[in-house]
């Protein structure tokens, strides 16, 4: 069958690699234009273009998959099957109606659980089981019949980039098991159990803001979930926004301090910080303003702001300004 793939991320690249590796007939790839790269985590259109050119596959770019020109280009490609994998746009009914057999979507959870937004972050946050799941797309949210589902486990210390790597490996296994059957004409989509369905909501960059008074497990989960390819968990230190890319539990450290306080600085392990009732090693830090430039940290410094102290400081500054104006 003639296949068209639409998407712009590493998972899209994995899709076309898995299809081609297993002898599927990929006729065209539609990928997001680089002008909108900043809106997509794990953007990989240049790599997808290179793969297409190397394998003699037609390559097109688009801004919005539902624009008339893009719809017409997909229609002209005359796909039997459309794989829509690796971009956050909602695929409209006009596009879904183009392929002769079906449009196939992808989701990294054990559908019907975990339908919806930000699945990679929520999987990491919960340290729950994920799956490379391919399903028939319809009008609902990730609710179509399942064609292939390859589970993978998530450990309690995995960060989002660890989970993303496990997902890509599961995609490889799913394609190698499923596509040979698909090429033989075997088509057996299994309906999802609506009674078992659950949904996750969107996560925004500000959801990575750390409250050091929260339980240690909550702060640790927030750091893991927000790590790359997401914007990162963050806090403030001496007026600078600090992104925390990686951390680990420090339950073995016989220290105690005020939440947010730096207790120890160790070149080999990182920065030991009190987090709620527990402690965390902050292993990878970045200044949001200056990038990879080394960050100065000292024992006794404190992450975060005290709202009352900041309000008092601002009120005093306003009072001084009013006195100067008088």
C-alpha atoms as a PDB file:
ATOM      1  CA  UNK A   1       0.000   0.000   0.000  1.00  0.00           C
ATOM      2  CA  UNK A   2       1.068   3.554  -0.703  1.00  0.00           C
ATOM      3  CA  UNK A   3       2.008   5.369   2.503  1.00  0.00           C
ATOM      4  CA  UNK A   4       2.365   9.079   3.274  1.00  0.00           C
ATOM      5  CA  UNK A   5       3.913  10.229   6.571  1.00  0.00           C
ATOM      6  CA  UNK A   6       3.288  13.613   8.219  1.00  0.00           C
ATOM      7  CA  UNK A   7       5.294  14.893  11.181  1.00  0.00           C
ATOM      8  CA  UNK A   8       8.390  16.783  12.283  1.00  0.00           C
ATOM      9  CA  UNK A   9      10.033  15.144  15.298  1.00  0.00           C
ATOM     10  CA  UNK A  10      12.406  12.329  16.179  1.00  0.00           C
ATOM     11  CA  UNK A  11       9.379  10.029  16.460  1.00  0.00           C
ATOM     12  CA  UNK A  12       8.486  10.928  12.859  1.00  0.00           C
ATOM     13  CA  UNK A  13      11.995   9.993  11.771  1.00  0.00           C
ATOM     14  CA  UNK A  14      11.690   6.709  13.680  1.00  0.00           C
ATOM     15  CA  UNK A  15       8.402   6.086  11.869  1.00  0.00           C
ATOM     16  CA  UNK A  16       9.785   6.484   8.360  1.00  0.00           C
ATOM     17  CA  UNK A  17      12.903   4.502   9.305  1.00  0.00           C
ATOM     18  CA  UNK A  18      10.779   1.663  10.692  1.00  0.00           C
ATOM     19  CA  UNK A  19       8.497   1.628   7.668  1.00  0.00           C
ATOM     20  CA  UNK A  20      11.335   1.640   5.129  1.00  0.00           C
ATOM     21  CA  UNK A  21      13.385  -0.906   7.105  1.00  0.00           C
ATOM     22  CA  UNK A  22      10.448  -3.302   6.934  1.00  0.00           C
ATOM     23  CA  UNK A  23       9.783  -2.844   3.228  1.00  0.00           C
ATOM     24  CA  UNK A  24       6.749  -0.541   3.358  1.00  0.00           C
ATOM     25  CA  UNK A  25       6.058   1.726   0.381  1.00  0.00           C
ATOM     26  CA  UNK A  26       6.612   5.266   1.717  1.00  0.00           C
ATOM     27  CA  UNK A  27       5.788   7.557  -1.209  1.00  0.00           C
ATOM     28  CA  UNK A  28       5.960  10.993   0.441  1.00  0.00           C
ATOM     29  CA  UNK A  29       6.787  12.772   3.691  1.00  0.00           C
ATOM     30  CA  UNK A  30       5.200  16.038   4.810  1.00  0.00           C
ATOM     31  CA  UNK A  31       7.125  17.847   7.544  1.00  0.00           C
ATOM     32  CA  UNK A  32       6.787  21.172   9.361  1.00  0.00           C
ATOM     33  CA  UNK A  33       8.687  24.099   7.942  1.00  0.00           C
ATOM     34  CA  UNK A  34      11.733  25.224   9.927  1.00  0.00           C
ATOM     35  CA  UNK A  35      10.106  28.634  10.474  1.00  0.00           C
ATOM     36  CA  UNK A  36       7.901  27.008  13.151  1.00  0.00           C
ATOM     37  CA  UNK A  37      10.650  24.840  14.666  1.00  0.00           C
ATOM     38  CA  UNK A  38      10.536  26.719  17.968  1.00  0.00           C
ATOM     39  CA  UNK A  39       7.013  25.477  18.657  1.00  0.00           C
ATOM     40  CA  UNK A  40       7.925  21.773  18.487  1.00  0.00           C
ATOM     41  CA  UNK A  41       9.933  19.787  21.054  1.00  0.00           C
ATOM     42  CA  UNK A  42      12.413  17.435  19.404  1.00  0.00           C
ATOM     43  CA  UNK A  43      12.132  19.157  16.006  1.00  0.00           C
ATOM     44  CA  UNK A  44      13.821  16.967  13.362  1.00  0.00           C
ATOM     45  CA  UNK A  45      12.657  18.148   9.935  1.00  0.00           C
ATOM     46  CA  UNK A  46      16.237  18.563   8.604  1.00  0.00           C
ATOM     47  CA  UNK A  47      17.067  14.957   9.518  1.00  0.00           C
ATOM     48  CA  UNK A  48      13.783  13.750   8.029  1.00  0.00           C
ATOM     49  CA  UNK A  49      14.531  15.656   4.801  1.00  0.00           C
ATOM     50  CA  UNK A  50      17.980  14.034   4.604  1.00  0.00           C
ATOM     51  CA  UNK A  51      16.479  10.567   5.099  1.00  0.00           C
ATOM     52  CA  UNK A  52      13.867  11.219   2.402  1.00  0.00           C
ATOM     53  CA  UNK A  53      16.446  12.404  -0.123  1.00  0.00           C
ATOM     54  CA  UNK A  54      18.729   9.433   0.644  1.00  0.00           C
ATOM     55  CA  UNK A  55      15.875   6.983   0.105  1.00  0.00           C
ATOM     56  CA  UNK A  56      14.256   8.636  -2.916  1.00  0.00           C
ATOM     57  CA  UNK A  57      11.114   9.710  -1.035  1.00  0.00           C
ATOM     58  CA  UNK A  58       9.243  12.876  -2.013  1.00  0.00           C
ATOM     59  CA  UNK A  59       9.598  15.536   0.707  1.00  0.00           C
ATOM     60  CA  UNK A  60       7.297  18.517   1.336  1.00  0.00           C
ATOM     61  CA  UNK A  61       7.006  21.122   4.082  1.00  0.00           C
ATOM     62  CA  UNK A  62       3.970  22.859   5.528  1.00  0.00           C
ATOM     63  CA  UNK A  63       3.027  25.416   8.171  1.00  0.00           C
ATOM     64  CA  UNK A  64      -0.428  24.058   8.946  1.00  0.00           C
ATOM     65  CA  UNK A  65      -1.520  20.620   7.778  1.00  0.00           C
ATOM     66  CA  UNK A  66      -5.108  21.837   7.382  1.00  0.00           C
ATOM     67  CA  UNK A  67      -4.266  24.628   4.927  1.00  0.00           C
ATOM     68  CA  UNK A  68      -5.831  24.145   1.460  1.00  0.00           C
ATOM     69  CA  UNK A  69      -2.471  23.936  -0.317  1.00  0.00           C
ATOM     70  CA  UNK A  70      -1.231  21.213   2.050  1.00  0.00           C
ATOM     71  CA  UNK A  71      -4.485  19.278   1.809  1.00  0.00           C
ATOM     72  CA  UNK A  72      -4.261  19.391  -1.982  1.00  0.00           C
ATOM     73  CA  UNK A  73      -0.646  18.187  -1.934  1.00  0.00           C
ATOM     74  CA  UNK A  74      -1.528  15.234   0.310  1.00  0.00           C
ATOM     75  CA  UNK A  75      -4.516  14.434  -1.901  1.00  0.00           C
ATOM     76  CA  UNK A  76      -2.259  14.477  -4.967  1.00  0.00           C
ATOM     77  CA  UNK A  77       0.034  11.957  -3.252  1.00  0.00           C
ATOM     78  CA  UNK A  78      -2.976   9.572  -3.241  1.00  0.00           C
ATOM     79  CA  UNK A  79      -2.099   7.627  -0.075  1.00  0.00           C
ATOM     80  CA  UNK A  80      -3.742   4.390   0.939  1.00  0.00           C
ATOM     81  CA  UNK A  81      -2.547   5.099   4.484  1.00  0.00           C
ATOM     82  CA  UNK A  82      -1.491   8.345   6.178  1.00  0.00           C
ATOM     83  CA  UNK A  83       0.755   8.178   9.256  1.00  0.00           C
ATOM     84  CA  UNK A  84       0.410  11.382  11.333  1.00  0.00           C
ATOM     85  CA  UNK A  85       3.205  11.118  13.899  1.00  0.00           C
ATOM     86  CA  UNK A  86       5.171  13.784  15.725  1.00  0.00           C
ATOM     87  CA  UNK A  87       3.491  17.176  15.594  1.00  0.00           C
ATOM     88  CA  UNK A  88       0.987  18.870  17.869  1.00  0.00           C
ATOM     89  CA  UNK A  89      -1.504  20.167  15.304  1.00  0.00           C
ATOM     90  CA  UNK A  90      -5.029  18.776  15.230  1.00  0.00           C
ATOM     91  CA  UNK A  91      -5.561  16.915  11.965  1.00  0.00           C
ATOM     92  CA  UNK A  92      -8.856  18.075  10.445  1.00  0.00           C
ATOM     93  CA  UNK A  93     -11.559  15.864   8.997  1.00  0.00           C
ATOM     94  CA  UNK A  94     -10.671  16.893   5.453  1.00  0.00           C
ATOM     95  CA  UNK A  95      -7.174  15.451   5.865  1.00  0.00           C
ATOM     96  CA  UNK A  96      -8.421  12.354   7.686  1.00  0.00           C
ATOM     97  CA  UNK A  97     -10.715  11.594   4.753  1.00  0.00           C
ATOM     98  CA  UNK A  98      -7.905  11.562   2.164  1.00  0.00           C
ATOM     99  CA  UNK A  99      -6.303   8.104   2.667  1.00  0.00           C
ATOM    100  CA  UNK A 100      -8.224   5.228   1.114  1.00  0.00           C
ATOM    101  CA  UNK A 101      -7.793   2.893   4.097  1.00  0.00           C
ATOM    102  CA  UNK A 102      -7.079   4.979   7.201  1.00  0.00           C
ATOM    103  CA  UNK A 103      -5.122   7.721   8.902  1.00  0.00           C
ATOM    104  CA  UNK A 104      -2.900   6.286  11.632  1.00  0.00           C
ATOM    105  CA  UNK A 105      -1.935   8.224  14.740  1.00  0.00           C
ATOM    106  CA  UNK A 106       0.611   7.593  17.475  1.00  0.00           C
ATOM    107  CA  UNK A 107       0.554   7.986  21.259  1.00  0.00           C
ATOM    108  CA  UNK A 108       3.177   6.945  23.846  1.00  0.00           C
ATOM    109  CA  UNK A 109       0.798   5.565  26.487  1.00  0.00           C
ATOM    110  CA  UNK A 110      -1.029   2.319  27.174  1.00  0.00           C
ATOM    111  CA  UNK A 111      -4.213   3.522  25.499  1.00  0.00           C
ATOM    112  CA  UNK A 112      -6.983   3.867  26.481  1.00  0.00           C
ATOM    113  CA  UNK A 113      -5.214   5.234  29.583  1.00  0.00           C
ATOM    114  CA  UNK A 114      -3.362   8.522  29.244  1.00  0.00           C
ATOM    115  CA  UNK A 115      -5.169  10.019  26.261  1.00  0.00           C
ATOM    116  CA  UNK A 116      -4.591  13.709  25.676  1.00  0.00           C
ATOM    117  CA  UNK A 117      -1.797  16.246  26.066  1.00  0.00           C
ATOM    118  CA  UNK A 118       1.820  16.132  27.298  1.00  0.00           C
ATOM    119  CA  UNK A 119       1.915  12.318  27.579  1.00  0.00           C
ATOM    120  CA  UNK A 120       5.718  12.054  27.842  1.00  0.00           C
ATOM    121  CA  UNK A 121       5.823  14.484  30.768  1.00  0.00           C
ATOM    122  CA  UNK A 122       2.965  12.782  32.618  1.00  0.00           C
ATOM    123  CA  UNK A 123       4.447   9.318  32.065  1.00  0.00           C
ATOM    124  CA  UNK A 124       7.734  10.534  33.537  1.00  0.00           C
ATOM    125  CA  UNK A 125       6.024  12.311  36.415  1.00  0.00           C
ATOM    126  CA  UNK A 126       4.068   9.191  37.385  1.00  0.00           C
ATOM    127  CA  UNK A 127       6.838   6.695  36.503  1.00  0.00           C
ATOM    128  CA  UNK A 128       4.075   4.598  34.979  1.00  0.00           C
ATOM    129  CA  UNK A 129       4.205   2.096  32.099  1.00  0.00           C
ATOM    130  CA  UNK A 130       4.303   3.575  28.589  1.00  0.00           C
ATOM    131  CA  UNK A 131       3.721   2.075  25.159  1.00  0.00           C
ATOM    132  CA  UNK A 132       4.396   2.844  21.523  1.00  0.00           C
ATOM    133  CA  UNK A 133       0.770   2.765  20.389  1.00  0.00           C
ATOM    134  CA  UNK A 134      -0.458   3.143  16.805  1.00  0.00           C
ATOM    135  CA  UNK A 135      -4.193   3.595  16.273  1.00  0.00           C
ATOM    136  CA  UNK A 136      -6.764   4.515  13.631  1.00  0.00           C
ATOM    137  CA  UNK A 137      -7.470   8.228  13.848  1.00  0.00           C
ATOM    138  CA  UNK A 138     -10.987   9.576  14.079  1.00  0.00           C
ATOM    139  CA  UNK A 139     -12.873  12.569  15.424  1.00  0.00           C
ATOM    140  CA  UNK A 140     -12.117  11.781  19.090  1.00  0.00           C
ATOM    141  CA  UNK A 141      -8.991  12.263  21.220  1.00  0.00           C
ATOM    142  CA  UNK A 142      -6.637   9.275  20.837  1.00  0.00           C
ATOM    143  CA  UNK A 143      -9.669   6.970  20.953  1.00  0.00           C
ATOM    144  CA  UNK A 144      -9.444   5.021  17.691  1.00  0.00           C
ATOM    145  CA  UNK A 145      -8.968   1.249  17.356  1.00  0.00           C
ATOM    146  CA  UNK A 146      -5.445   0.076  18.166  1.00  0.00           C
ATOM    147  CA  UNK A 147      -3.245  -1.453  15.465  1.00  0.00           C
ATOM    148  CA  UNK A 148      -0.036  -2.031  17.433  1.00  0.00           C
ATOM    149  CA  UNK A 149       0.997  -1.476  21.044  1.00  0.00           C
ATOM    150  CA  UNK A 150       4.522  -2.134  22.343  1.00  0.00           C
ATOM    151  CA  UNK A 151       4.849  -1.531  26.125  1.00  0.00           C
ATOM    152  CA  UNK A 152       7.935  -0.273  27.915  1.00  0.00           C
ATOM    153  CA  UNK A 153       8.722   0.263  31.590  1.00  0.00           C
ATOM    154  CA  UNK A 154       9.627   3.550  33.259  1.00  0.00           C
ATOM    155  CA  UNK A 155      11.845   3.634  36.340  1.00  0.00           C
ATOM    156  CA  UNK A 156      11.302   5.942  39.304  1.00  0.00           C
ATOM    157  CA  UNK A 157      14.552   7.800  38.527  1.00  0.00           C
ATOM    158  CA  UNK A 158      13.985   8.206  34.774  1.00  0.00           C
ATOM    159  CA  UNK A 159      13.957  11.753  33.419  1.00  0.00           C
ATOM    160  CA  UNK A 160      11.950  12.748  30.356  1.00  0.00           C
ATOM    161  CA  UNK A 161      14.916  12.220  28.020  1.00  0.00           C
ATOM    162  CA  UNK A 162      15.373   8.685  29.396  1.00  0.00           C
ATOM    163  CA  UNK A 163      11.696   7.952  28.754  1.00  0.00           C
ATOM    164  CA  UNK A 164      11.952   9.444  25.251  1.00  0.00           C
ATOM    165  CA  UNK A 165      14.805   7.057  24.440  1.00  0.00           C
ATOM    166  CA  UNK A 166      12.843   4.069  25.757  1.00  0.00           C
ATOM    167  CA  UNK A 167       9.895   5.168  23.623  1.00  0.00           C
ATOM    168  CA  UNK A 168      12.018   5.243  20.461  1.00  0.00           C
ATOM    169  CA  UNK A 169      13.275   1.731  21.204  1.00  0.00           C
ATOM    170  CA  UNK A 170       9.676   0.567  21.691  1.00  0.00           C
ATOM    171  CA  UNK A 171       8.738   2.131  18.342  1.00  0.00           C
ATOM    172  CA  UNK A 172      11.454   0.078  16.656  1.00  0.00           C
ATOM    173  CA  UNK A 173      10.124  -3.101  18.227  1.00  0.00           C
ATOM    174  CA  UNK A 174       6.550  -2.205  17.273  1.00  0.00           C
ATOM    175  CA  UNK A 175       7.424  -1.616  13.615  1.00  0.00           C
ATOM    176  CA  UNK A 176       9.518  -4.774  13.330  1.00  0.00           C
ATOM    177  CA  UNK A 177       6.645  -6.831  14.750  1.00  0.00           C
ATOM    178  CA  UNK A 178       3.722  -5.076  13.064  1.00  0.00           C
ATOM    179  CA  UNK A 179       4.773  -3.849   9.595  1.00  0.00           C
ATOM    180  CA  UNK A 180       5.655  -7.283   8.131  1.00  0.00           C
ATOM    181  CA  UNK A 181       2.076  -8.322   8.957  1.00  0.00           C
ATOM    182  CA  UNK A 182       0.766  -5.035   7.590  1.00  0.00           C
ATOM    183  CA  UNK A 183       2.621  -5.644   4.308  1.00  0.00           C
ATOM    184  CA  UNK A 184       0.814  -8.965   3.996  1.00  0.00           C
ATOM    185  CA  UNK A 185      -2.517  -7.157   4.127  1.00  0.00           C
ATOM    186  CA  UNK A 186      -3.327  -8.121   7.714  1.00  0.00           C
ATOM    187  CA  UNK A 187      -5.529  -5.366   9.142  1.00  0.00           C
ATOM    188  CA  UNK A 188      -7.079  -6.048  12.514  1.00  0.00           C
ATOM    189  CA  UNK A 189      -7.619  -2.842  14.551  1.00  0.00           C
ATOM    190  CA  UNK A 190      -8.911  -3.537  18.076  1.00  0.00           C
ATOM    191  CA  UNK A 191     -11.454  -1.108  19.613  1.00  0.00           C
ATOM    192  CA  UNK A 192     -10.424   0.622  22.833  1.00  0.00           C
ATOM    193  CA  UNK A 193     -12.233   0.033  26.107  1.00  0.00           C
ATOM    194  CA  UNK A 194     -13.983   3.335  26.809  1.00  0.00           C
ATOM    195  CA  UNK A 195     -14.626   2.363  30.426  1.00  0.00           C
ATOM    196  CA  UNK A 196     -10.857   2.238  31.028  1.00  0.00           C
ATOM    197  CA  UNK A 197     -10.121   5.585  29.363  1.00  0.00           C
ATOM    198  CA  UNK A 198      -8.304   8.374  31.206  1.00  0.00           C
ATOM    199  CA  UNK A 199      -7.007  11.760  30.057  1.00  0.00           C
ATOM    200  CA  UNK A 200      -4.100  14.092  30.773  1.00  0.00           C
ATOM    201  CA  UNK A 201      -4.103  17.867  30.405  1.00  0.00           C
ATOM    202  CA  UNK A 202      -1.642  20.242  28.819  1.00  0.00           C
ATOM    203  CA  UNK A 203       1.523  21.234  30.684  1.00  0.00           C
ATOM    204  CA  UNK A 204       3.025  24.703  30.260  1.00  0.00           C
ATOM    205  CA  UNK A 205       6.600  25.931  30.930  1.00  0.00           C
ATOM    206  CA  UNK A 206       5.505  27.619  34.173  1.00  0.00           C
ATOM    207  CA  UNK A 207       4.472  24.215  35.530  1.00  0.00           C
ATOM    208  CA  UNK A 208       8.178  23.568  36.032  1.00  0.00           C
ATOM    209  CA  UNK A 209       8.399  26.240  38.750  1.00  0.00           C
ATOM    210  CA  UNK A 210       9.648  24.578  41.954  1.00  0.00           C
ATOM    211  CA  UNK A 211       8.136  25.218  45.372  1.00  0.00           C
ATOM    212  CA  UNK A 212      10.808  23.911  47.737  1.00  0.00           C
ATOM    213  CA  UNK A 213       8.191  23.509  50.478  1.00  0.00           C
ATOM    214  CA  UNK A 214       6.525  20.738  48.432  1.00  0.00           C
ATOM    215  CA  UNK A 215       7.242  17.126  49.413  1.00  0.00           C
ATOM    216  CA  UNK A 216      10.585  15.939  48.100  1.00  0.00           C
ATOM    217  CA  UNK A 217       8.916  13.313  45.887  1.00  0.00           C
ATOM    218  CA  UNK A 218       6.786  15.989  44.198  1.00  0.00           C
ATOM    219  CA  UNK A 219       9.765  18.246  43.469  1.00  0.00           C
ATOM    220  CA  UNK A 220      11.793  15.315  42.162  1.00  0.00           C
ATOM    221  CA  UNK A 221       8.944  14.255  39.872  1.00  0.00           C
ATOM    222  CA  UNK A 222       8.565  17.822  38.596  1.00  0.00           C
ATOM    223  CA  UNK A 223      12.270  18.005  37.720  1.00  0.00           C
ATOM    224  CA  UNK A 224      12.203  14.640  35.949  1.00  0.00           C
ATOM    225  CA  UNK A 225       9.029  15.422  33.986  1.00  0.00           C
ATOM    226  CA  UNK A 226      10.165  18.879  32.855  1.00  0.00           C
ATOM    227  CA  UNK A 227      13.641  17.845  31.712  1.00  0.00           C
ATOM    228  CA  UNK A 228      14.684  17.718  28.054  1.00  0.00           C
ATOM    229  CA  UNK A 229      13.075  17.700  25.543  1.00  0.00           C
ATOM    230  CA  UNK A 230      10.802  19.898  27.687  1.00  0.00           C
ATOM    231  CA  UNK A 231      11.651  23.455  28.872  1.00  0.00           C
ATOM    232  CA  UNK A 232      13.045  22.338  32.239  1.00  0.00           C
ATOM    233  CA  UNK A 233      12.123  22.742  35.913  1.00  0.00           C
ATOM    234  CA  UNK A 234      13.419  25.960  37.402  1.00  0.00           C
ATOM    235  CA  UNK A 235      13.925  28.081  40.481  1.00  0.00           C
ATOM    236  CA  UNK A 236      15.614  31.375  41.344  1.00  0.00           C
ATOM    237  CA  UNK A 237      18.982  31.992  42.946  1.00  0.00           C
ATOM    238  CA  UNK A 238      20.358  35.481  43.696  1.00  0.00           C
ATOM    239  CA  UNK A 239      17.934  37.035  41.220  1.00  0.00           C
ATOM    240  CA  UNK A 240      18.791  34.614  38.400  1.00  0.00           C
ATOM    241  CA  UNK A 241      16.478  32.013  36.873  1.00  0.00           C
ATOM    242  CA  UNK A 242      18.179  28.618  37.158  1.00  0.00           C
ATOM    243  CA  UNK A 243      17.028  25.630  35.096  1.00  0.00           C
ATOM    244  CA  UNK A 244      17.466  22.222  36.715  1.00  0.00           C
ATOM    245  CA  UNK A 245      17.891  19.549  34.056  1.00  0.00           C
ATOM    246  CA  UNK A 246      18.762  16.543  36.180  1.00  0.00           C
ATOM    247  CA  UNK A 247      18.560  15.576  39.839  1.00  0.00           C
ATOM    248  CA  UNK A 248      18.709  12.507  42.078  1.00  0.00           C
ATOM    249  CA  UNK A 249      17.430  11.575  45.526  1.00  0.00           C
ATOM    250  CA  UNK A 250      19.853  12.086  48.417  1.00  0.00           C
ATOM    251  CA  UNK A 251      18.119  10.021  51.086  1.00  0.00           C
ATOM    252  CA  UNK A 252      21.496   8.750  52.308  1.00  0.00           C
ATOM    253  CA  UNK A 253      22.797  12.216  53.218  1.00  0.00           C
ATOM    254  CA  UNK A 254      22.673  12.937  57.001  1.00  0.00           C
ATOM    255  CA  UNK A 255      21.863  16.604  56.509  1.00  0.00           C
ATOM    256  CA  UNK A 256      18.916  18.789  57.372  1.00  0.00           C
ATOM    257  CA  UNK A 257      18.096  22.359  56.398  1.00  0.00           C
ATOM    258  CA  UNK A 258      15.458  24.906  55.471  1.00  0.00           C
ATOM    259  CA  UNK A 259      13.638  24.052  52.203  1.00  0.00           C
ATOM    260  CA  UNK A 260      15.512  25.537  49.263  1.00  0.00           C
ATOM    261  CA  UNK A 261      18.758  25.985  51.221  1.00  0.00           C
ATOM    262  CA  UNK A 262      22.025  24.751  49.681  1.00  0.00           C
ATOM    263  CA  UNK A 263      23.565  22.335  52.179  1.00  0.00           C
ATOM    264  CA  UNK A 264      26.594  21.082  50.284  1.00  0.00           C
ATOM    265  CA  UNK A 265      28.427  21.666  47.011  1.00  0.00           C
ATOM    266  CA  UNK A 266      30.275  18.627  45.683  1.00  0.00           C
ATOM    267  CA  UNK A 267      32.109  18.695  42.317  1.00  0.00           C
ATOM    268  CA  UNK A 268      31.401  14.990  41.775  1.00  0.00           C
ATOM    269  CA  UNK A 269      27.709  14.891  42.740  1.00  0.00           C
ATOM    270  CA  UNK A 270      26.315  18.395  42.357  1.00  0.00           C
ATOM    271  CA  UNK A 271      24.463  20.715  44.721  1.00  0.00           C
ATOM    272  CA  UNK A 272      22.714  19.253  47.766  1.00  0.00           C
ATOM    273  CA  UNK A 273      19.461  21.103  48.494  1.00  0.00           C
ATOM    274  CA  UNK A 274      16.754  20.620  51.093  1.00  0.00           C
ATOM    275  CA  UNK A 275      13.481  19.819  49.307  1.00  0.00           C
ATOM    276  CA  UNK A 276      10.506  19.550  51.629  1.00  0.00           C
ATOM    277  CA  UNK A 277      11.268  16.849  54.175  1.00  0.00           C
ATOM    278  CA  UNK A 278      14.020  15.328  52.002  1.00  0.00           C
ATOM    279  CA  UNK A 279      17.092  16.259  50.029  1.00  0.00           C
ATOM    280  CA  UNK A 280      18.023  16.275  46.361  1.00  0.00           C
ATOM    281  CA  UNK A 281      21.280  16.378  44.455  1.00  0.00           C
ATOM    282  CA  UNK A 282      20.920  18.939  41.656  1.00  0.00           C
ATOM    283  CA  UNK A 283      23.262  17.428  39.081  1.00  0.00           C
ATOM    284  CA  UNK A 284      22.802  19.628  36.000  1.00  0.00           C
ATOM    285  CA  UNK A 285      22.074  23.360  36.276  1.00  0.00           C
ATOM    286  CA  UNK A 286      21.859  26.105  33.687  1.00  0.00           C
ATOM    287  CA  UNK A 287      21.412  29.853  33.966  1.00  0.00           C
ATOM    288  CA  UNK A 288      18.378  30.664  31.819  1.00  0.00           C
ATOM    289  CA  UNK A 289      19.945  33.981  30.769  1.00  0.00           C
ATOM    290  CA  UNK A 290      23.506  32.949  29.898  1.00  0.00           C
ATOM    291  CA  UNK A 291      23.151  29.275  28.967  1.00  0.00           C
ATOM    292  CA  UNK A 292      26.101  26.970  29.644  1.00  0.00           C
ATOM    293  CA  UNK A 293      28.191  29.557  31.522  1.00  0.00           C
ATOM    294  CA  UNK A 294      29.268  28.149  34.935  1.00  0.00           C
ATOM    295  CA  UNK A 295      26.889  29.001  37.779  1.00  0.00           C
ATOM    296  CA  UNK A 296      28.208  30.258  41.115  1.00  0.00           C
ATOM    297  CA  UNK A 297      26.638  28.414  44.052  1.00  0.00           C
ATOM    298  CA  UNK A 298      27.603  28.517  47.707  1.00  0.00           C
ATOM    299  CA  UNK A 299      26.641  26.645  50.829  1.00  0.00           C
ATOM    300  CA  UNK A 300      23.991  28.630  52.673  1.00  0.00           C
ATOM    301  CA  UNK A 301      22.474  30.273  49.618  1.00  0.00           C
ATOM    302  CA  UNK A 302      18.786  29.652  49.125  1.00  0.00           C
ATOM    303  CA  UNK A 303      16.728  28.825  46.045  1.00  0.00           C
ATOM    304  CA  UNK A 304      13.379  30.513  45.516  1.00  0.00           C
ATOM    305  CA  UNK A 305      11.748  33.639  46.857  1.00  0.00           C
ATOM    306  CA  UNK A 306      10.062  34.428  50.164  1.00  0.00           C
ATOM    307  CA  UNK A 307       6.937  36.268  49.073  1.00  0.00           C
ATOM    308  CA  UNK A 308       6.565  38.313  52.279  1.00  0.00           C
ATOM    309  CA  UNK A 309      10.212  39.425  52.208  1.00  0.00           C
ATOM    310  CA  UNK A 310       9.972  40.409  48.542  1.00  0.00           C
ATOM    311  CA  UNK A 311       6.754  42.355  49.113  1.00  0.00           C
ATOM    312  CA  UNK A 312       8.372  44.155  52.037  1.00  0.00           C
ATOM    313  CA  UNK A 313      11.460  44.999  49.980  1.00  0.00           C
ATOM    314  CA  UNK A 314       9.349  46.313  47.109  1.00  0.00           C
ATOM    315  CA  UNK A 315       7.168  48.360  49.467  1.00  0.00           C
ATOM    316  CA  UNK A 316      10.283  49.941  50.992  1.00  0.00           C
ATOM    317  CA  UNK A 317      11.638  50.794  47.542  1.00  0.00           C
ATOM    318  CA  UNK A 318       8.297  52.343  46.575  1.00  0.00           C
ATOM    319  CA  UNK A 319       8.315  54.369  49.784  1.00  0.00           C
ATOM    320  CA  UNK A 320      11.816  55.650  49.027  1.00  0.00           C
ATOM    321  CA  UNK A 321      10.773  56.585  45.481  1.00  0.00           C
ATOM    322  CA  UNK A 322       7.710  58.444  46.765  1.00  0.00           C
ATOM    323  CA  UNK A 323       9.886  60.337  49.257  1.00  0.00           C
ATOM    324  CA  UNK A 324      12.293  61.296  46.463  1.00  0.00           C
ATOM    325  CA  UNK A 325       9.430  62.516  44.285  1.00  0.00           C
ATOM    326  CA  UNK A 326       8.161  64.694  47.129  1.00  0.00           C
END
